[in-house]
Amino acid sequence: MTTSETTSDQAQDQVLWTLEGLLELFESQPDGENRFIAQTGLAGADDRQVVEGTQVLAQAIVAVAKRFPDKSVRSAHAVFARVVLVGPPVELDIDVVSEGRSTATAVVTAS
């Protein structure tokens, strides 16, 4: 086996996520009118065991898009004040600030 084959085999063994897997991970399910539940994913072999902030942001965007199905997301801002641990699902609570015919503003809190 050549060095390039070994490197390629090692890279394939280290692929943890597929596009399909990521899209499933970003999914959020309704749990009331303004509440959604999202999974944190599988615990990996590393010691960190925290969910990346971008994953929570993506899940929040999906939840808001489902809450306002006739509108599109135009802007998103995030503040990550504390970690989300891998394991229990994330609860996404949507606080609707305003909702009109063509626009809406909401604040999403993850816990």
Protein backbone atom coordinates (compact mmCIF):
# COMPACT_ATOMS: atom_id res chain seq x y z
CA MET A 1 0.00 0.00 0.00
CA THR A 2 1.37 3.42 -0.94
CA THR A 3 1.46 6.48 1.31
CA SER A 4 -1.30 8.20 -0.68
CA GLU A 5 -3.56 5.15 -0.35
CA THR A 6 -2.93 5.04 3.41
CA THR A 7 -3.72 8.75 3.77
CA SER A 8 -6.91 8.34 1.72
CA ASP A 9 -8.02 5.35 3.81
CA GLN A 10 -7.36 7.26 7.04
CA ALA A 11 -9.36 10.26 5.78
CA GLN A 12 -12.32 8.02 4.92
CA ASP A 13 -12.20 6.43 8.39
CA GLN A 14 -12.32 9.90 9.98
CA VAL A 15 -15.41 11.12 8.08
CA LEU A 16 -17.98 11.49 10.84
CA TRP A 17 -20.67 13.43 9.01
CA THR A 18 -22.33 13.20 5.65
CA LEU A 19 -24.44 15.93 4.08
CA GLU A 20 -27.55 13.83 4.72
CA GLY A 21 -26.51 13.35 8.35
CA LEU A 22 -25.97 17.08 8.85
CA LEU A 23 -29.34 17.95 7.33
CA GLU A 24 -30.99 15.46 9.69
CA LEU A 25 -29.09 16.99 12.62
CA PHE A 26 -30.25 20.51 11.72
CA GLU A 27 -33.89 19.36 11.77
CA SER A 28 -36.15 20.58 14.58
CA GLN A 29 -39.56 19.22 15.52
CA PRO A 30 -42.52 21.28 16.82
CA ASP A 31 -43.35 20.88 20.51
CA GLY A 32 -46.06 23.54 20.72
CA GLU A 33 -46.76 26.73 18.79
CA ASN A 34 -43.51 28.51 19.71
CA ARG A 35 -41.34 25.63 20.91
CA PHE A 36 -39.21 23.19 18.94
CA ILE A 37 -37.00 20.26 19.93
CA ALA A 38 -33.70 19.52 18.17
CA GLN A 39 -31.26 16.66 18.69
CA THR A 40 -27.66 17.32 19.71
CA GLY A 41 -26.15 14.41 17.82
CA LEU A 42 -24.01 11.47 18.83
CA ALA A 43 -21.25 11.72 21.39
CA GLY A 44 -17.88 11.40 19.70
CA ALA A 45 -14.61 10.02 20.96
CA ASP A 46 -13.19 13.40 21.98
CA ASP A 47 -13.37 14.79 25.51
CA ARG A 48 -15.12 18.02 24.54
CA GLN A 49 -18.72 16.71 24.19
CA VAL A 50 -20.25 20.10 23.40
CA VAL A 51 -22.45 21.09 20.48
CA GLU A 52 -20.96 23.59 18.04
CA GLY A 53 -22.70 26.96 18.07
CA THR A 54 -23.25 26.87 14.33
CA GLN A 55 -25.31 23.69 14.75
CA VAL A 56 -27.60 25.39 17.28
CA LEU A 57 -27.86 28.43 14.99
CA ALA A 58 -28.85 26.19 12.05
CA GLN A 59 -31.44 24.41 14.20
CA ALA A 60 -32.86 27.78 15.31
CA ILE A 61 -33.12 28.93 11.68
CA VAL A 62 -34.98 25.74 10.76
CA ALA A 63 -37.35 26.21 13.72
CA VAL A 64 -38.10 29.83 12.77
CA ALA A 65 -38.63 28.86 9.12
CA LYS A 66 -41.17 26.26 10.26
CA ARG A 67 -42.86 28.72 12.63
CA PHE A 68 -43.25 31.28 9.81
CA PRO A 69 -43.71 29.04 6.74
CA ASP A 70 -44.86 31.87 4.46
CA LYS A 71 -41.75 33.99 5.14
CA SER A 72 -38.05 33.53 4.43
CA VAL A 73 -35.14 34.05 6.82
CA ARG A 74 -33.26 37.20 5.80
CA SER A 75 -31.01 37.77 8.80
CA ALA A 76 -29.77 35.87 11.84
CA HIS A 77 -27.67 37.01 14.77
CA ALA A 78 -26.41 34.77 17.57
CA VAL A 79 -25.00 35.12 21.06
CA PHE A 80 -23.67 31.90 22.57
CA ALA A 81 -23.79 32.58 26.31
CA ARG A 82 -23.29 29.00 27.50
CA VAL A 83 -22.47 25.57 26.13
CA VAL A 84 -24.94 22.96 24.99
CA LEU A 85 -23.83 19.45 25.91
CA VAL A 86 -24.13 16.50 23.55
CA GLY A 87 -26.86 14.12 24.65
CA PRO A 88 -30.18 15.60 25.73
CA PRO A 89 -32.23 17.41 23.07
CA VAL A 90 -32.10 21.19 22.74
CA GLU A 91 -35.31 23.10 23.44
CA LEU A 92 -35.75 26.08 21.13
CA ASP A 93 -38.24 28.63 22.45
CA ILE A 94 -39.38 31.27 19.95
CA ASP A 95 -40.42 34.67 21.28
CA VAL A 96 -42.33 36.44 18.51
CA VAL A 97 -41.46 40.15 18.70
CA SER A 98 -43.56 41.17 15.70
CA GLU A 99 -45.44 39.41 12.92
CA GLY A 100 -46.88 41.17 9.92
CA ARG A 101 -48.05 40.19 6.46
CA SER A 102 -44.60 40.12 4.91
CA THR A 103 -42.12 40.24 7.81
CA ALA A 104 -41.63 38.84 11.28
CA THR A 105 -39.07 39.29 14.03
CA ALA A 106 -38.37 36.60 16.60
CA VAL A 107 -35.88 35.80 19.34
CA VAL A 108 -34.92 32.14 19.78
CA THR A 109 -33.60 30.90 23.12
CA ALA A 110 -31.92 27.49 23.28
CA SER A 111 -31.92 25.56 26.52
